[in-house]
Every structure is written in structure tokens, then in C-alpha cells.
Amino acid sequence: METSGFGPRGNVEEVLGMDATGRKLVWVKREDFQGWACSRCAWAFNPAGPLVRESIEEMKTHYEAQRDQEFKSHVCAKHSGTTRPI
């Protein structure tokens, strides 16, 4: 896992790999946003509903699976009309 410094639109603290298109899933921390986002467009992960599972580990696993699936399936062109999270 890479760590990066402060960018023009926020503090990027973690980078989780790169997909085939070269985009990265990055952890962004700003005054108005904190969470996972795409390095190439304005897509940001927004979990669907509360994390309700049997254990913390199951909640974490479900959250990560949902995040990773949504990141892999998003189309950057559909998220280019707004400000990038980083």
C-alpha cells in the first residue's frame, strides 16, 4: 500500500492498488469529505445503508467487498462533471 502526501484538493493518505485503467482507489481527507474515492474522476464510495452484521470482522469484510465492487464497476466518464475528491 502506498502513502501519498497533500494534494491540491485534499490530503490523500492511502492508495489501494491500481486497476487496469490506471485509476487508483484512494483515501481522501478534506474539510467536506473523508472517504474512499477514485484518483481519476469525481466518484466517491458511499456505503449503501448501515453496516449490520454478526461481528465487526463481518462488517469490515462486507464494507470492503462493497467498496471494491463499486470502484471496479464505476465508469469515470459518468463522474467527470463534478469536482474530483482529491
Protein backbone atom coordinates (compact mmCIF):
# COMPACT_ATOMS: atom_id res chain seq x y z
CA MET A 1 0.00 0.00 0.00
CA GLU A 2 1.33 3.41 -0.97
CA THR A 3 1.10 6.54 1.09
CA SER A 4 0.91 9.92 -0.53
CA GLY A 5 1.02 13.49 0.72
CA PHE A 6 -1.18 16.55 0.47
CA GLY A 7 -2.71 17.24 -2.93
CA PRO A 8 -4.40 20.35 -4.30
CA ARG A 9 -7.86 19.10 -3.38
CA GLY A 10 -7.26 17.16 -0.20
CA ASN A 11 -4.96 15.02 1.82
CA VAL A 12 -4.51 11.60 0.21
CA GLU A 13 -3.46 9.24 2.96
CA GLU A 14 -3.67 5.79 1.37
CA VAL A 15 -3.75 4.27 -2.07
CA LEU A 16 -5.17 0.79 -2.58
CA GLY A 17 -3.58 -0.53 -5.75
CA MET A 18 -4.27 0.40 -9.33
CA ASP A 19 -6.71 -1.18 -11.77
CA ALA A 20 -6.15 -1.94 -15.47
CA THR A 21 -7.15 1.60 -16.45
CA GLY A 22 -4.53 3.17 -14.20
CA ARG A 23 -7.02 4.66 -11.76
CA LYS A 24 -6.47 4.18 -8.04
CA LEU A 25 -8.73 3.79 -5.04
CA VAL A 26 -7.52 6.48 -2.64
CA TRP A 27 -8.44 7.55 0.90
CA VAL A 28 -9.17 11.28 0.84
CA LYS A 29 -9.42 13.58 3.83
CA ARG A 30 -10.77 17.12 3.38
CA GLU A 31 -12.95 19.51 5.36
CA ASP A 32 -16.05 18.49 3.39
CA PHE A 33 -15.24 14.83 2.60
CA GLN A 34 -13.47 11.88 4.15
CA GLY A 35 -13.55 8.50 2.45
CA TRP A 36 -12.57 6.33 -0.49
CA ALA A 37 -12.54 7.88 -3.95
CA CYS A 38 -11.22 7.41 -7.47
CA SER A 39 -7.97 9.11 -8.38
CA ARG A 40 -9.21 9.88 -11.91
CA CYS A 41 -12.78 11.19 -11.51
CA ALA A 42 -15.33 12.50 -9.00
CA TRP A 43 -16.57 9.04 -7.93
CA ALA A 44 -16.56 8.53 -4.17
CA PHE A 45 -17.68 5.48 -2.24
CA ASN A 46 -20.94 5.91 -0.37
CA PRO A 47 -21.93 2.72 1.50
CA ALA A 48 -25.48 1.55 0.89
CA GLY A 49 -27.21 1.57 4.25
CA PRO A 50 -25.86 0.77 7.70
CA LEU A 51 -23.31 -1.97 8.24
CA VAL A 52 -25.27 -4.60 10.13
CA ARG A 53 -23.60 -7.98 10.57
CA GLU A 54 -22.84 -10.51 13.27
CA SER A 55 -19.36 -9.22 14.07
CA ILE A 56 -17.01 -6.32 13.42
CA GLU A 57 -14.96 -8.56 11.13
CA GLU A 58 -18.07 -9.40 9.04
CA MET A 59 -18.97 -5.70 8.82
CA LYS A 60 -15.45 -4.87 7.68
CA THR A 61 -15.44 -7.66 5.10
CA HIS A 62 -18.85 -6.59 3.73
CA TYR A 63 -17.79 -2.90 3.59
CA GLU A 64 -14.56 -3.70 1.74
CA ALA A 65 -16.31 -6.03 -0.73
CA GLN A 66 -18.98 -3.40 -1.47
CA ARG A 67 -16.35 -0.66 -1.85
CA ASP A 68 -14.15 -2.74 -4.14
CA GLN A 69 -17.06 -3.88 -6.33
CA GLU A 70 -18.42 -0.35 -6.74
CA PHE A 71 -14.94 1.01 -7.54
CA LYS A 72 -14.31 -1.68 -10.17
CA SER A 73 -17.69 -1.19 -11.81
CA HIS A 74 -17.88 2.63 -11.88
CA VAL A 75 -17.35 4.44 -15.18
CA CYS A 76 -15.19 7.53 -14.79
CA ALA A 77 -16.92 9.32 -17.70
CA LYS A 78 -20.18 9.29 -15.71
CA HIS A 79 -18.49 11.07 -12.79
CA SER A 80 -16.47 13.69 -14.63
CA GLY A 81 -18.95 16.58 -14.35
CA THR A 82 -18.23 17.36 -10.69
CA THR A 83 -15.15 18.16 -8.69
CA ARG A 84 -12.77 15.30 -8.05
CA PRO A 85 -12.47 14.34 -4.37
CA ILE A 86 -8.68 14.77 -4.45
